[in-house]
Amino acid sequence: MEQFIYKICPTPLWQDAVEAGRFEGAGIDIQDGYIHFSTAAQTAETLALHFAGQEGLTLVQVDVASLDIKWEASRGGQLFPHLYEALPLSAVTASWQLAIGADGAHILPALA
């Protein structure tokens, strides 16, 4: 489906993952039993719905090629990428600190 998917997480949690060499997930991921991701087209809406006004977030770009991603229906019937295991950092191709613009929305980089 997509070559890249995106994970939004608090920066300290992402820094811990970098030190550990893998990402086990945020609280909601652990609770649900899988890591939640968004496509490039879904990322802005995910930020607005679940992270509005939150500072200190990192956006992580992940290459799906080596991962067993499950595409499952969620918000509005859209297919969202889920990973039912830890994310190896070898699949991460980029990460960005997210700033909040004057309008209160997060400023996204150009996503692939």
C-alpha atoms as a PDB file:
ATOM      1  CA  MET A   1       0.000   0.000   0.000  1.00  0.00           C
ATOM      2  CA  GLU A   2       2.351   2.703   1.240  1.00  0.00           C
ATOM      3  CA  GLN A   3       6.136   2.731   1.353  1.00  0.00           C
ATOM      4  CA  PHE A   4       6.273   4.922   4.458  1.00  0.00           C
ATOM      5  CA  ILE A   5       4.074   5.128   7.522  1.00  0.00           C
ATOM      6  CA  TYR A   6       4.292   7.547  10.439  1.00  0.00           C
ATOM      7  CA  LYS A   7       4.312   7.329  14.225  1.00  0.00           C
ATOM      8  CA  ILE A   8       3.632  10.290  16.489  1.00  0.00           C
ATOM      9  CA  CYS A   9       5.023   9.995  19.989  1.00  0.00           C
ATOM     10  CA  PRO A  10       6.290  12.103  22.880  1.00  0.00           C
ATOM     11  CA  THR A  11       9.927  13.009  22.302  1.00  0.00           C
ATOM     12  CA  PRO A  12      11.212  11.542  25.611  1.00  0.00           C
ATOM     13  CA  LEU A  13       9.581   8.209  24.739  1.00  0.00           C
ATOM     14  CA  TRP A  14      11.205   8.260  21.304  1.00  0.00           C
ATOM     15  CA  GLN A  15      14.599   9.123  22.831  1.00  0.00           C
ATOM     16  CA  ASP A  16      14.228   6.103  25.133  1.00  0.00           C
ATOM     17  CA  ALA A  17      13.491   3.930  22.083  1.00  0.00           C
ATOM     18  CA  VAL A  18      16.593   5.198  20.300  1.00  0.00           C
ATOM     19  CA  GLU A  19      18.707   4.327  23.333  1.00  0.00           C
ATOM     20  CA  ALA A  20      17.068   0.890  23.582  1.00  0.00           C
ATOM     21  CA  GLY A  21      17.393   0.191  19.850  1.00  0.00           C
ATOM     22  CA  ARG A  22      13.670  -0.557  19.435  1.00  0.00           C
ATOM     23  CA  PHE A  23      10.285   1.031  20.054  1.00  0.00           C
ATOM     24  CA  GLU A  24       7.840  -0.987  22.134  1.00  0.00           C
ATOM     25  CA  GLY A  25       5.026   1.547  21.755  1.00  0.00           C
ATOM     26  CA  ALA A  26       3.335   4.346  23.655  1.00  0.00           C
ATOM     27  CA  GLY A  27       0.723   3.758  26.346  1.00  0.00           C
ATOM     28  CA  ILE A  28      -2.176   3.415  23.886  1.00  0.00           C
ATOM     29  CA  ASP A  29      -0.149   0.985  21.769  1.00  0.00           C
ATOM     30  CA  ILE A  30       0.666  -1.230  24.728  1.00  0.00           C
ATOM     31  CA  GLN A  31      -2.974  -1.098  25.862  1.00  0.00           C
ATOM     32  CA  ASP A  32      -4.281  -2.059  22.401  1.00  0.00           C
ATOM     33  CA  GLY A  33      -1.628  -4.708  21.724  1.00  0.00           C
ATOM     34  CA  TYR A  34      -0.160  -3.109  18.607  1.00  0.00           C
ATOM     35  CA  ILE A  35       1.667   0.043  17.518  1.00  0.00           C
ATOM     36  CA  HIS A  36      -0.597   2.582  15.835  1.00  0.00           C
ATOM     37  CA  PHE A  37       0.691   4.303  12.690  1.00  0.00           C
ATOM     38  CA  SER A  38      -0.781   6.661  10.109  1.00  0.00           C
ATOM     39  CA  THR A  39      -0.193   7.107   6.405  1.00  0.00           C
ATOM     40  CA  ALA A  40       1.079  10.443   5.123  1.00  0.00           C
ATOM     41  CA  ALA A  41      -2.508  11.383   4.231  1.00  0.00           C
ATOM     42  CA  GLN A  42      -3.794  10.452   7.723  1.00  0.00           C
ATOM     43  CA  THR A  43      -1.088  12.067   9.849  1.00  0.00           C
ATOM     44  CA  ALA A  44      -2.489  15.614  10.072  1.00  0.00           C
ATOM     45  CA  GLU A  45      -5.911  14.330  11.118  1.00  0.00           C
ATOM     46  CA  THR A  46      -4.362  11.974  13.684  1.00  0.00           C
ATOM     47  CA  LEU A  47      -2.427  14.891  15.154  1.00  0.00           C
ATOM     48  CA  ALA A  48      -5.551  17.064  15.306  1.00  0.00           C
ATOM     49  CA  LEU A  49      -7.725  14.357  16.887  1.00  0.00           C
ATOM     50  CA  HIS A  50      -5.306  12.805  19.359  1.00  0.00           C
ATOM     51  CA  PHE A  51      -2.467  15.281  19.952  1.00  0.00           C
ATOM     52  CA  ALA A  52      -4.013  18.761  19.585  1.00  0.00           C
ATOM     53  CA  GLY A  53      -1.912  21.406  21.304  1.00  0.00           C
ATOM     54  CA  GLN A  54       0.638  18.914  22.647  1.00  0.00           C
ATOM     55  CA  GLU A  55       4.221  20.089  22.530  1.00  0.00           C
ATOM     56  CA  GLY A  56       7.279  17.879  22.636  1.00  0.00           C
ATOM     57  CA  LEU A  57       6.232  15.431  19.945  1.00  0.00           C
ATOM     58  CA  THR A  58       8.384  13.544  17.470  1.00  0.00           C
ATOM     59  CA  LEU A  59       7.123  12.313  14.109  1.00  0.00           C
ATOM     60  CA  VAL A  60       8.867   9.144  12.958  1.00  0.00           C
ATOM     61  CA  GLN A  61       8.934   7.937   9.337  1.00  0.00           C
ATOM     62  CA  VAL A  62       9.043   4.156   8.948  1.00  0.00           C
ATOM     63  CA  ASP A  63       9.748   2.093   5.825  1.00  0.00           C
ATOM     64  CA  VAL A  64       7.242  -0.775   5.745  1.00  0.00           C
ATOM     65  CA  ALA A  65       9.367  -3.054   3.509  1.00  0.00           C
ATOM     66  CA  SER A  66      10.779  -5.219   6.298  1.00  0.00           C
ATOM     67  CA  LEU A  67       7.764  -5.105   8.625  1.00  0.00           C
ATOM     68  CA  ASP A  68       4.658  -7.263   8.960  1.00  0.00           C
ATOM     69  CA  ILE A  69       2.156  -4.407   8.850  1.00  0.00           C
ATOM     70  CA  LYS A  70      -1.536  -5.193   9.214  1.00  0.00           C
ATOM     71  CA  TRP A  71      -3.895  -2.765   7.479  1.00  0.00           C
ATOM     72  CA  GLU A  72      -7.044  -2.571   9.573  1.00  0.00           C
ATOM     73  CA  ALA A  73     -10.217  -0.500   9.394  1.00  0.00           C
ATOM     74  CA  SER A  74     -10.477   2.241  11.980  1.00  0.00           C
ATOM     75  CA  ARG A  75     -11.587   5.880  11.964  1.00  0.00           C
ATOM     76  CA  GLY A  76     -14.349   6.273   9.375  1.00  0.00           C
ATOM     77  CA  GLY A  77     -13.556   2.880   7.844  1.00  0.00           C
ATOM     78  CA  GLN A  78     -10.106   4.034   6.713  1.00  0.00           C
ATOM     79  CA  LEU A  79      -7.363   1.407   6.689  1.00  0.00           C
ATOM     80  CA  PHE A  80      -4.659   2.190   9.230  1.00  0.00           C
ATOM     81  CA  PRO A  81      -1.277   0.477   9.543  1.00  0.00           C
ATOM     82  CA  HIS A  82      -0.700  -1.508  12.745  1.00  0.00           C
ATOM     83  CA  LEU A  83       2.375  -3.400  13.913  1.00  0.00           C
ATOM     84  CA  TYR A  84       1.901  -6.269  16.366  1.00  0.00           C
ATOM     85  CA  GLU A  85       5.520  -6.373  17.527  1.00  0.00           C
ATOM     86  CA  ALA A  86       8.227  -3.944  18.560  1.00  0.00           C
ATOM     87  CA  LEU A  87       9.414  -1.523  15.898  1.00  0.00           C
ATOM     88  CA  PRO A  88      13.082  -2.130  15.047  1.00  0.00           C
ATOM     89  CA  LEU A  89      14.906   1.153  14.554  1.00  0.00           C
ATOM     90  CA  SER A  90      16.427  -0.246  11.359  1.00  0.00           C
ATOM     91  CA  ALA A  91      13.029   0.474   9.723  1.00  0.00           C
ATOM     92  CA  VAL A  92      13.111   4.170  10.694  1.00  0.00           C
ATOM     93  CA  THR A  93      14.203   6.433   7.853  1.00  0.00           C
ATOM     94  CA  ALA A  94      13.653   9.890   9.403  1.00  0.00           C
ATOM     95  CA  SER A  95      12.301  11.708  12.441  1.00  0.00           C
ATOM     96  CA  TRP A  96      11.275  15.286  13.106  1.00  0.00           C
ATOM     97  CA  GLN A  97      10.484  17.388  16.151  1.00  0.00           C
ATOM     98  CA  LEU A  98       7.019  18.871  15.636  1.00  0.00           C
ATOM     99  CA  ALA A  99       6.407  22.542  16.306  1.00  0.00           C
ATOM    100  CA  ILE A 100       3.009  24.140  16.759  1.00  0.00           C
ATOM    101  CA  GLY A 101       2.054  26.952  14.400  1.00  0.00           C
ATOM    102  CA  ALA A 102       0.302  30.214  15.198  1.00  0.00           C
ATOM    103  CA  ASP A 103      -3.021  28.553  14.351  1.00  0.00           C
ATOM    104  CA  GLY A 104      -2.446  25.915  17.052  1.00  0.00           C
ATOM    105  CA  ALA A 105      -1.923  23.089  14.558  1.00  0.00           C
ATOM    106  CA  HIS A 106       1.291  21.089  14.327  1.00  0.00           C
ATOM    107  CA  ILE A 107       3.587  21.995  11.465  1.00  0.00           C
ATOM    108  CA  LEU A 108       4.333  18.892   9.401  1.00  0.00           C
ATOM    109  CA  PRO A 109       7.361  18.332   7.199  1.00  0.00           C
ATOM    110  CA  ALA A 110       6.785  17.250   3.610  1.00  0.00           C
ATOM    111  CA  LEU A 111       5.805  13.603   3.907  1.00  0.00           C
ATOM    112  CA  ALA A 112       6.529  10.953   1.282  1.00  0.00           C
END
